Amino acid sequence: METPPLPLQLFTLREGLVSSTADQTLVDAFAADFQGLKHFGAKLGESLELGSPWTGTLQEDDFTLNFAYFDAGTSSMDPGAGAMIGEKRPFFELLNRINELDA
């Protein structure tokens, strides 16, 4: 049984800017959610003495947002990537789908 593709939009994090082939409204929405999620993760990491988050996931009723920084660091100037999926999906399921694609 073939798994149908997810409604997916990819984003790039580089030099403090979010970019994508998506329209500017979606880029702005991703950037706002990303900043809020990163801020929340930083506050949680600070209180638990874990440092800044290198990855995060936000799930709403109608979308899932993910981000990850590459190994260069987690400041706003460091490179990373993000995705917005147009439906609510558990993170574990997304990882399983990625592993299936690699097989």
PDB file of N, CA and C in Angstrom:
ATOM      1  N   MET A   1       0.845  -1.176   0.000  1.00  0.00           N
ATOM      2  CA  MET A   1       0.000   0.000   0.000  1.00  0.00           C
ATOM      3  C   MET A   1       0.894   1.244   0.000  1.00  0.00           C
ATOM      4  N   GLU A   2       0.694   2.099  -0.968  1.00  0.00           N
ATOM      5  CA  GLU A   2       1.498   3.315  -1.081  1.00  0.00           C
ATOM      6  C   GLU A   2       0.905   4.421  -0.215  1.00  0.00           C
ATOM      7  N   THR A   3       1.768   5.107   0.526  1.00  0.00           N
ATOM      8  CA  THR A   3       1.355   6.199   1.398  1.00  0.00           C
ATOM      9  C   THR A   3       1.187   7.467   0.556  1.00  0.00           C
ATOM     10  N   PRO A   4       0.032   8.154   0.666  1.00  0.00           N
ATOM     11  CA  PRO A   4      -0.146   9.382  -0.106  1.00  0.00           C
ATOM     12  C   PRO A   4       0.784  10.482   0.384  1.00  0.00           C
ATOM     13  N   PRO A   5       1.196  11.374  -0.506  1.00  0.00           N
ATOM     14  CA  PRO A   5       2.101  12.459  -0.092  1.00  0.00           C
ATOM     15  C   PRO A   5       1.411  13.427   0.868  1.00  0.00           C
ATOM     16  N   LEU A   6       2.203  14.021   1.735  1.00  0.00           N
ATOM     17  CA  LEU A   6       1.706  15.026   2.672  1.00  0.00           C
ATOM     18  C   LEU A   6       1.672  16.391   1.993  1.00  0.00           C
ATOM     19  N   PRO A   7       0.713  17.261   2.380  1.00  0.00           N
ATOM     20  CA  PRO A   7       0.733  18.644   1.891  1.00  0.00           C
ATOM     21  C   PRO A   7       1.866  19.388   2.602  1.00  0.00           C
ATOM     22  N   LEU A   8       3.010  19.461   1.962  1.00  0.00           N
ATOM     23  CA  LEU A   8       4.251  19.899   2.594  1.00  0.00           C
ATOM     24  C   LEU A   8       4.816  21.149   1.938  1.00  0.00           C
ATOM     25  N   GLN A   9       5.283  22.080   2.765  1.00  0.00           N
ATOM     26  CA  GLN A   9       6.009  23.254   2.282  1.00  0.00           C
ATOM     27  C   GLN A   9       7.306  23.353   3.063  1.00  0.00           C
ATOM     28  N   LEU A  10       8.428  23.507   2.378  1.00  0.00           N
ATOM     29  CA  LEU A  10       9.743  23.571   3.013  1.00  0.00           C
ATOM     30  C   LEU A  10      10.220  25.012   3.139  1.00  0.00           C
ATOM     31  N   PHE A  11      11.035  25.261   4.180  1.00  0.00           N
ATOM     32  CA  PHE A  11      11.578  26.593   4.457  1.00  0.00           C
ATOM     33  C   PHE A  11      13.060  26.472   4.777  1.00  0.00           C
ATOM     34  N   THR A  12      13.797  27.524   4.485  1.00  0.00           N
ATOM     35  CA  THR A  12      15.222  27.593   4.789  1.00  0.00           C
ATOM     36  C   THR A  12      15.452  28.687   5.813  1.00  0.00           C
ATOM     37  N   LEU A  13      16.280  28.387   6.803  1.00  0.00           N
ATOM     38  CA  LEU A  13      16.679  29.362   7.825  1.00  0.00           C
ATOM     39  C   LEU A  13      18.144  29.699   7.575  1.00  0.00           C
ATOM     40  N   ARG A  14      18.420  30.950   7.213  1.00  0.00           N
ATOM     41  CA  ARG A  14      19.796  31.336   6.917  1.00  0.00           C
ATOM     42  C   ARG A  14      19.986  32.815   7.186  1.00  0.00           C
ATOM     43  N   GLU A  15      21.029  33.125   7.941  1.00  0.00           N
ATOM     44  CA  GLU A  15      21.409  34.499   8.249  1.00  0.00           C
ATOM     45  C   GLU A  15      20.244  35.317   8.804  1.00  0.00           C
ATOM     46  N   GLY A  16      19.458  34.692   9.690  1.00  0.00           N
ATOM     47  CA  GLY A  16      18.367  35.383  10.350  1.00  0.00           C
ATOM     48  C   GLY A  16      17.106  35.532   9.526  1.00  0.00           C
ATOM     49  N   LEU A  17      17.063  34.954   8.326  1.00  0.00           N
ATOM     50  CA  LEU A  17      15.898  35.089   7.452  1.00  0.00           C
ATOM     51  C   LEU A  17      15.277  33.735   7.155  1.00  0.00           C
ATOM     52  N   VAL A  18      13.962  33.736   6.985  1.00  0.00           N
ATOM     53  CA  VAL A  18      13.229  32.550   6.547  1.00  0.00           C
ATOM     54  C   VAL A  18      12.896  32.753   5.082  1.00  0.00           C
ATOM     55  N   SER A  19      13.194  31.747   4.265  1.00  0.00           N
ATOM     56  CA  SER A  19      12.860  31.847   2.843  1.00  0.00           C
ATOM     57  C   SER A  19      12.230  30.547   2.371  1.00  0.00           C
ATOM     58  N   SER A  20      11.511  30.636   1.258  1.00  0.00           N
ATOM     59  CA  SER A  20      10.811  29.487   0.710  1.00  0.00           C
ATOM     60  C   SER A  20      10.304  29.844  -0.678  1.00  0.00           C
ATOM     61  N   THR A  21       9.873  28.831  -1.405  1.00  0.00           N
ATOM     62  CA  THR A  21       9.203  29.075  -2.682  1.00  0.00           C
ATOM     63  C   THR A  21       7.726  29.389  -2.469  1.00  0.00           C
ATOM     64  N   ALA A  22       7.250  29.297  -1.220  1.00  0.00           N
ATOM     65  CA  ALA A  22       5.852  29.592  -0.884  1.00  0.00           C
ATOM     66  C   ALA A  22       5.590  31.087  -1.010  1.00  0.00           C
ATOM     67  N   ASP A  23       4.315  31.456  -1.029  1.00  0.00           N
ATOM     68  CA  ASP A  23       3.995  32.880  -1.084  1.00  0.00           C
ATOM     69  C   ASP A  23       4.370  33.544   0.248  1.00  0.00           C
ATOM     70  N   GLN A  24       4.508  34.854   0.221  1.00  0.00           N
ATOM     71  CA  GLN A  24       5.021  35.606   1.363  1.00  0.00           C
ATOM     72  C   GLN A  24       4.145  35.451   2.608  1.00  0.00           C
ATOM     73  N   THR A  25       2.836  35.306   2.428  1.00  0.00           N
ATOM     74  CA  THR A  25       1.941  35.126   3.575  1.00  0.00           C
ATOM     75  C   THR A  25       2.282  33.862   4.348  1.00  0.00           C
ATOM     76  N   LEU A  26       2.541  32.763   3.639  1.00  0.00           N
ATOM     77  CA  LEU A  26       2.900  31.504   4.294  1.00  0.00           C
ATOM     78  C   LEU A  26       4.288  31.597   4.933  1.00  0.00           C
ATOM     79  N   VAL A  27       5.225  32.272   4.267  1.00  0.00           N
ATOM     80  CA  VAL A  27       6.564  32.478   4.840  1.00  0.00           C
ATOM     81  C   VAL A  27       6.454  33.271   6.138  1.00  0.00           C
ATOM     82  N   ASP A  28       5.645  34.328   6.135  1.00  0.00           N
ATOM     83  CA  ASP A  28       5.461  35.139   7.344  1.00  0.00           C
ATOM     84  C   ASP A  28       4.814  34.322   8.465  1.00  0.00           C
ATOM     85  N   ALA A  29       3.828  33.489   8.119  1.00  0.00           N
ATOM     86  CA  ALA A  29       3.165  32.651   9.126  1.00  0.00           C
ATOM     87  C   ALA A  29       4.139  31.642   9.716  1.00  0.00           C
ATOM     88  N   PHE A  30       4.954  30.999   8.859  1.00  0.00           N
ATOM     89  CA  PHE A  30       5.946  30.056   9.359  1.00  0.00           C
ATOM     90  C   PHE A  30       6.942  30.772  10.263  1.00  0.00           C
ATOM     91  N   ALA A  31       7.427  31.942   9.832  1.00  0.00           N
ATOM     92  CA  ALA A  31       8.422  32.692  10.606  1.00  0.00           C
ATOM     93  C   ALA A  31       7.872  33.057  11.989  1.00  0.00           C
ATOM     94  N   ALA A  32       6.618  33.469  12.062  1.00  0.00           N
ATOM     95  CA  ALA A  32       6.029  33.842  13.354  1.00  0.00           C
ATOM     96  C   ALA A  32       5.901  32.619  14.263  1.00  0.00           C
ATOM     97  N   ASP A  33       5.400  31.517  13.732  1.00  0.00           N
ATOM     98  CA  ASP A  33       5.264  30.301  14.540  1.00  0.00           C
ATOM     99  C   ASP A  33       6.623  29.760  14.954  1.00  0.00           C
ATOM    100  N   PHE A  34       7.584  29.812  14.037  1.00  0.00           N
ATOM    101  CA  PHE A  34       8.950  29.364  14.329  1.00  0.00           C
ATOM    102  C   PHE A  34       9.561  30.183  15.461  1.00  0.00           C
ATOM    103  N   GLN A  35       9.417  31.512  15.402  1.00  0.00           N
ATOM    104  CA  GLN A  35       9.975  32.374  16.444  1.00  0.00           C
ATOM    105  C   GLN A  35       9.337  32.089  17.801  1.00  0.00           C
ATOM    106  N   GLY A  36       8.017  31.901  17.820  1.00  0.00           N
ATOM    107  CA  GLY A  36       7.337  31.590  19.068  1.00  0.00           C
ATOM    108  C   GLY A  36       7.776  30.244  19.629  1.00  0.00           C
ATOM    109  N   LEU A  37       7.878  29.240  18.774  1.00  0.00           N
ATOM    110  CA  LEU A  37       8.303  27.912  19.209  1.00  0.00           C
ATOM    111  C   LEU A  37       9.746  27.932  19.695  1.00  0.00           C
ATOM    112  N   LYS A  38      10.609  28.646  18.978  1.00  0.00           N
ATOM    113  CA  LYS A  38      12.015  28.741  19.387  1.00  0.00           C
ATOM    114  C   LYS A  38      12.143  29.475  20.725  1.00  0.00           C
ATOM    115  N   HIS A  39      11.379  30.548  20.907  1.00  0.00           N
ATOM    116  CA  HIS A  39      11.406  31.306  22.161  1.00  0.00           C
ATOM    117  C   HIS A  39      10.947  30.425  23.321  1.00  0.00           C
ATOM    118  N   PHE A  40       9.850  29.692  23.136  1.00  0.00           N
ATOM    119  CA  PHE A  40       9.352  28.791  24.177  1.00  0.00           C
ATOM    120  C   PHE A  40      10.399  27.728  24.502  1.00  0.00           C
ATOM    121  N   GLY A  41      11.008  27.144  23.473  1.00  0.00           N
ATOM    122  CA  GLY A  41      12.044  26.130  23.687  1.00  0.00           C
ATOM    123  C   GLY A  41      13.252  26.689  24.419  1.00  0.00           C
ATOM    124  N   ALA A  42      13.625  27.928  24.103  1.00  0.00           N
ATOM    125  CA  ALA A  42      14.771  28.554  24.777  1.00  0.00           C
ATOM    126  C   ALA A  42      14.470  28.776  26.257  1.00  0.00           C
ATOM    127  N   LYS A  43      13.258  29.225  26.571  1.00  0.00           N
ATOM    128  CA  LYS A  43      12.879  29.435  27.976  1.00  0.00           C
ATOM    129  C   LYS A  43      12.867  28.108  28.728  1.00  0.00           C
ATOM    130  N   LEU A  44      12.330  27.076  28.117  1.00  0.00           N
ATOM    131  CA  LEU A  44      12.305  25.760  28.744  1.00  0.00           C
ATOM    132  C   LEU A  44      13.721  25.213  28.908  1.00  0.00           C
ATOM    133  N   GLY A  45      14.548  25.345  27.856  1.00  0.00           N
ATOM    134  CA  GLY A  45      15.934  24.889  27.921  1.00  0.00           C
ATOM    135  C   GLY A  45      16.736  25.624  28.969  1.00  0.00           C
ATOM    136  N   GLU A  46      16.468  26.929  29.122  1.00  0.00           N
ATOM    137  CA  GLU A  46      17.161  27.726  30.138  1.00  0.00           C
ATOM    138  C   GLU A  46      16.787  27.252  31.539  1.00  0.00           C
ATOM    139  N   SER A  47      15.506  27.022  31.776  1.00  0.00           N
ATOM    140  CA  SER A  47      15.075  26.618  33.115  1.00  0.00           C
ATOM    141  C   SER A  47      15.570  25.222  33.483  1.00  0.00           C
ATOM    142  N   LEU A  48      15.760  24.359  32.487  1.00  0.00           N
ATOM    143  CA  LEU A  48      16.258  23.005  32.745  1.00  0.00           C
ATOM    144  C   LEU A  48      17.765  22.880  32.524  1.00  0.00           C
ATOM    145  N   GLU A  49      18.414  24.018  32.239  1.00  0.00           N
ATOM    146  CA  GLU A  49      19.857  24.064  31.973  1.00  0.00           C
ATOM    147  C   GLU A  49      20.268  23.137  30.821  1.00  0.00           C
ATOM    148  N   LEU A  50      19.446  23.139  29.745  1.00  0.00           N
ATOM    149  CA  LEU A  50      19.730  22.327  28.561  1.00  0.00           C
ATOM    150  C   LEU A  50      20.242  23.150  27.382  1.00  0.00           C
ATOM    151  N   GLY A  51      20.112  24.467  27.455  1.00  0.00           N
ATOM    152  CA  GLY A  51      20.543  25.321  26.355  1.00  0.00           C
ATOM    153  C   GLY A  51      19.428  25.529  25.339  1.00  0.00           C
ATOM    154  N   SER A  52      19.781  26.148  24.234  1.00  0.00           N
ATOM    155  CA  SER A  52      18.810  26.468  23.187  1.00  0.00           C
ATOM    156  C   SER A  52      18.425  25.216  22.400  1.00  0.00           C
ATOM    157  N   PRO A  53      17.164  25.156  21.941  1.00  0.00           N
ATOM    158  CA  PRO A  53      16.729  23.985  21.185  1.00  0.00           C
ATOM    159  C   PRO A  53      17.322  23.971  19.785  1.00  0.00           C
ATOM    160  N   TRP A  54      17.686  22.791  19.300  1.00  0.00           N
ATOM    161  CA  TRP A  54      18.164  22.657  17.921  1.00  0.00           C
ATOM    162  C   TRP A  54      17.056  22.137  17.009  1.00  0.00           C
ATOM    163  N   THR A  55      15.942  21.700  17.616  1.00  0.00           N
ATOM    164  CA  THR A  55      14.794  21.245  16.839  1.00  0.00           C
ATOM    165  C   THR A  55      13.516  21.495  17.625  1.00  0.00           C
ATOM    166  N   GLY A  56      12.397  21.549  16.932  1.00  0.00           N
ATOM    167  CA  GLY A  56      11.115  21.734  17.598  1.00  0.00           C
ATOM    168  C   GLY A  56       9.959  21.370  16.687  1.00  0.00           C
ATOM    169  N   THR A  57       8.831  21.046  17.291  1.00  0.00           N
ATOM    170  CA  THR A  57       7.612  20.693  16.564  1.00  0.00           C
ATOM    171  C   THR A  57       6.427  21.355  17.233  1.00  0.00           C
ATOM    172  N   LEU A  58       5.554  21.930  16.436  1.00  0.00           N
ATOM    173  CA  LEU A  58       4.322  22.543  16.895  1.00  0.00           C
ATOM    174  C   LEU A  58       3.183  21.881  16.141  1.00  0.00           C
ATOM    175  N   GLN A  59       2.180  21.402  16.872  1.00  0.00           N
ATOM    176  CA  GLN A  59       1.026  20.783  16.236  1.00  0.00           C
ATOM    177  C   GLN A  59      -0.232  21.567  16.567  1.00  0.00           C
ATOM    178  N   GLU A  60      -0.945  21.963  15.535  1.00  0.00           N
ATOM    179  CA  GLU A  60      -2.249  22.606  15.660  1.00  0.00           C
ATOM    180  C   GLU A  60      -3.273  21.670  15.022  1.00  0.00           C
ATOM    181  N   ASP A  61      -4.546  22.043  15.088  1.00  0.00           N
ATOM    182  CA  ASP A  61      -5.580  21.182  14.511  1.00  0.00           C
ATOM    183  C   ASP A  61      -5.429  20.984  13.004  1.00  0.00           C
ATOM    184  N   ASP A  62      -4.931  22.004  12.308  1.00  0.00           N
ATOM    185  CA  ASP A  62      -4.883  21.926  10.849  1.00  0.00           C
ATOM    186  C   ASP A  62      -3.475  21.964  10.248  1.00  0.00           C
ATOM    187  N   PHE A  63      -2.431  21.934  11.069  1.00  0.00           N
ATOM    188  CA  PHE A  63      -1.079  21.879  10.515  1.00  0.00           C
ATOM    189  C   PHE A  63      -0.080  21.402  11.552  1.00  0.00           C
ATOM    190  N   THR A  64       1.064  20.985  11.073  1.00  0.00           N
ATOM    191  CA  THR A  64       2.208  20.628  11.912  1.00  0.00           C
ATOM    192  C   THR A  64       3.398  21.410  11.399  1.00  0.00           C
ATOM    193  N   LEU A  65       4.145  22.036  12.293  1.00  0.00           N
ATOM    194  CA  LEU A  65       5.328  22.821  11.927  1.00  0.00           C
ATOM    195  C   LEU A  65       6.542  22.203  12.606  1.00  0.00           C
ATOM    196  N   ASN A  66       7.602  22.020  11.854  1.00  0.00           N
ATOM    197  CA  ASN A  66       8.863  21.486  12.386  1.00  0.00           C
ATOM    198  C   ASN A  66      10.000  22.422  11.992  1.00  0.00           C
ATOM    199  N   PHE A  67      11.036  22.468  12.839  1.00  0.00           N
ATOM    200  CA  PHE A  67      12.270  23.143  12.450  1.00  0.00           C
ATOM    201  C   PHE A  67      13.441  22.376  13.033  1.00  0.00           C
ATOM    202  N   ALA A  68      14.586  22.533  12.408  1.00  0.00           N
ATOM    203  CA  ALA A  68      15.832  21.942  12.923  1.00  0.00           C
ATOM    204  C   ALA A  68      16.996  22.782  12.442  1.00  0.00           C
ATOM    205  N   TYR A  69      17.951  22.982  13.342  1.00  0.00           N
ATOM    206  CA  TYR A  69      19.211  23.625  12.968  1.00  0.00           C
ATOM    207  C   TYR A  69      20.220  22.544  12.615  1.00  0.00           C
ATOM    208  N   PHE A  70      21.103  22.870  11.716  1.00  0.00           N
ATOM    209  CA  PHE A  70      22.169  21.950  11.368  1.00  0.00           C
ATOM    210  C   PHE A  70      23.258  22.046  12.439  1.00  0.00           C
ATOM    211  N   ASP A  71      24.340  21.377  12.290  1.00  0.00           N
ATOM    212  CA  ASP A  71      25.346  21.290  13.359  1.00  0.00           C
ATOM    213  C   ASP A  71      26.151  22.555  13.601  1.00  0.00           C
ATOM    214  N   ALA A  72      25.875  23.630  12.882  1.00  0.00           N
ATOM    215  CA  ALA A  72      26.645  24.865  13.050  1.00  0.00           C
ATOM    216  C   ALA A  72      26.284  25.615  14.331  1.00  0.00           C
ATOM    217  N   GLY A  73      25.088  25.418  14.867  1.00  0.00           N
ATOM    218  CA  GLY A  73      24.671  26.121  16.072  1.00  0.00           C
ATOM    219  C   GLY A  73      23.185  26.417  16.054  1.00  0.00           C
ATOM    220  N   THR A  74      22.723  27.192  17.036  1.00  0.00           N
ATOM    221  CA  THR A  74      21.291  27.472  17.158  1.00  0.00           C
ATOM    222  C   THR A  74      20.973  28.959  17.249  1.00  0.00           C
ATOM    223  N   SER A  75      21.904  29.821  16.865  1.00  0.00           N
ATOM    224  CA  SER A  75      21.594  31.252  16.884  1.00  0.00           C
ATOM    225  C   SER A  75      20.774  31.601  15.640  1.00  0.00           C
ATOM    226  N   SER A  76      20.199  32.790  15.646  1.00  0.00           N
ATOM    227  CA  SER A  76      19.359  33.194  14.511  1.00  0.00           C
ATOM    228  C   SER A  76      20.140  33.293  13.205  1.00  0.00           C
ATOM    229  N   MET A  77      21.455  33.386  13.270  1.00  0.00           N
ATOM    230  CA  MET A  77      22.273  33.503  12.058  1.00  0.00           C
ATOM    231  C   MET A  77      22.725  32.141  11.527  1.00  0.00           C
ATOM    232  N   ASP A  78      22.515  31.070  12.287  1.00  0.00           N
ATOM    233  CA  ASP A  78      22.973  29.742  11.878  1.00  0.00           C
ATOM    234  C   ASP A  78      22.000  29.100  10.889  1.00  0.00           C
ATOM    235  N   PRO A  79      22.512  28.235  10.009  1.00  0.00           N
ATOM    236  CA  PRO A  79      21.646  27.604   9.004  1.00  0.00           C
ATOM    237  C   PRO A  79      20.765  26.514   9.593  1.00  0.00           C
ATOM    238  N   GLY A  80      19.571  26.412   9.039  1.00  0.00           N
ATOM    239  CA  GLY A  80      18.631  25.378   9.445  1.00  0.00           C
ATOM    240  C   GLY A  80      17.559  25.224   8.396  1.00  0.00           C
ATOM    241  N   ALA A  81      16.551  24.455   8.721  1.00  0.00           N
ATOM    242  CA  ALA A  81      15.454  24.209   7.788  1.00  0.00           C
ATOM    243  C   ALA A  81      14.179  23.997   8.581  1.00  0.00           C
ATOM    244  N   GLY A  82      13.068  24.136   7.894  1.00  0.00           N
ATOM    245  CA  GLY A  82      11.781  23.923   8.524  1.00  0.00           C
ATOM    246  C   GLY A  82      10.782  23.405   7.516  1.00  0.00           C
ATOM    247  N   ALA A  83       9.650  22.948   8.029  1.00  0.00           N
ATOM    248  CA  ALA A  83       8.583  22.449   7.174  1.00  0.00           C
ATOM    249  C   ALA A  83       7.243  22.744   7.825  1.00  0.00           C
ATOM    250  N   MET A  84       6.264  22.995   6.975  1.00  0.00           N
ATOM    251  CA  MET A  84       4.895  23.132   7.434  1.00  0.00           C
ATOM    252  C   MET A  84       4.075  22.100   6.665  1.00  0.00           C
ATOM    253  N   ILE A  85       3.422  21.232   7.422  1.00  0.00           N
ATOM    254  CA  ILE A  85       2.614  20.179   6.845  1.00  0.00           C
ATOM    255  C   ILE A  85       1.162  20.562   7.055  1.00  0.00           C
ATOM    256  N   GLY A  86       0.375  20.555   6.013  1.00  0.00           N
ATOM    257  CA  GLY A  86      -0.997  21.044   6.047  1.00  0.00           C
ATOM    258  C   GLY A  86      -1.994  20.141   6.730  1.00  0.00           C
ATOM    259  N   GLU A  87      -1.559  19.381   7.713  1.00  0.00           N
ATOM    260  CA  GLU A  87      -2.454  18.572   8.525  1.00  0.00           C
ATOM    261  C   GLU A  87      -1.739  18.197   9.815  1.00  0.00           C
ATOM    262  N   LYS A  88      -2.499  17.779  10.817  1.00  0.00           N
ATOM    263  CA  LYS A  88      -1.914  17.395  12.096  1.00  0.00           C
ATOM    264  C   LYS A  88      -1.365  15.983  11.975  1.00  0.00           C
ATOM    265  N   ARG A  89      -0.079  15.824  12.232  1.00  0.00           N
ATOM    266  CA  ARG A  89       0.578  14.527  12.159  1.00  0.00           C
ATOM    267  C   ARG A  89       1.489  14.357  13.360  1.00  0.00           C
ATOM    268  N   PRO A  90       1.415  13.227  14.065  1.00  0.00           N
ATOM    269  CA  PRO A  90       2.358  12.983  15.165  1.00  0.00           C
ATOM    270  C   PRO A  90       3.791  12.914  14.645  1.00  0.00           C
ATOM    271  N   PHE A  91       4.735  13.455  15.431  1.00  0.00           N
ATOM    272  CA  PHE A  91       6.136  13.496  15.022  1.00  0.00           C
ATOM    273  C   PHE A  91       6.680  12.100  14.741  1.00  0.00           C
ATOM    274  N   PHE A  92       6.296  11.116  15.560  1.00  0.00           N
ATOM    275  CA  PHE A  92       6.772   9.748  15.356  1.00  0.00           C
ATOM    276  C   PHE A  92       6.328   9.212  13.988  1.00  0.00           C
ATOM    277  N   GLU A  93       5.081   9.524  13.597  1.00  0.00           N
ATOM    278  CA  GLU A  93       4.596   9.095  12.286  1.00  0.00           C
ATOM    279  C   GLU A  93       5.404   9.740  11.164  1.00  0.00           C
ATOM    280  N   LEU A  94       5.752  11.024  11.318  1.00  0.00           N
ATOM    281  CA  LEU A  94       6.561  11.702  10.302  1.00  0.00           C
ATOM    282  C   LEU A  94       7.927  11.040  10.173  1.00  0.00           C
ATOM    283  N   LEU A  95       8.540  10.696  11.298  1.00  0.00           N
ATOM    284  CA  LEU A  95       9.843  10.017  11.253  1.00  0.00           C
ATOM    285  C   LEU A  95       9.728   8.664  10.563  1.00  0.00           C
ATOM    286  N   ASN A  96       8.652   7.948  10.835  1.00  0.00           N
ATOM    287  CA  ASN A  96       8.445   6.657  10.171  1.00  0.00           C
ATOM    288  C   ASN A  96       8.294   6.825   8.666  1.00  0.00           C
ATOM    289  N   ARG A  97       7.574   7.848   8.249  1.00  0.00           N
ATOM    290  CA  ARG A  97       7.399   8.094   6.808  1.00  0.00           C
ATOM    291  C   ARG A  97       8.729   8.444   6.149  1.00  0.00           C
ATOM    292  N   ILE A  98       9.550   9.218   6.838  1.00  0.00           N
ATOM    293  CA  ILE A  98      10.859   9.571   6.284  1.00  0.00           C
ATOM    294  C   ILE A  98      11.707   8.312   6.144  1.00  0.00           C
ATOM    295  N   ASN A  99      11.681   7.462   7.156  1.00  0.00           N
ATOM    296  CA  ASN A  99      12.452   6.207   7.085  1.00  0.00           C
ATOM    297  C   ASN A  99      11.960   5.321   5.949  1.00  0.00           C
ATOM    298  N   GLU A 100      10.655   5.286   5.701  1.00  0.00           N
ATOM    299  CA  GLU A 100      10.114   4.490   4.590  1.00  0.00           C
ATOM    300  C   GLU A 100      10.604   5.033   3.260  1.00  0.00           C
ATOM    301  N   LEU A 101      10.712   6.348   3.139  1.00  0.00           N
ATOM    302  CA  LEU A 101      11.193   6.954   1.888  1.00  0.00           C
ATOM    303  C   LEU A 101      12.657   6.601   1.629  1.00  0.00           C
ATOM    304  N   ASP A 102      13.445   6.461   2.699  1.00  0.00           N
ATOM    305  CA  ASP A 102      14.867   6.136   2.562  1.00  0.00           C
ATOM    306  C   ASP A 102      15.093   4.680   2.178  1.00  0.00           C
ATOM    307  N   ALA A 103      14.117   3.825   2.435  1.00  0.00           N
ATOM    308  CA  ALA A 103      14.284   2.377   2.185  1.00  0.00           C
ATOM    309  C   ALA A 103      14.294   2.049   0.709  1.00  0.00           C
TER     310      ALA A 103
END
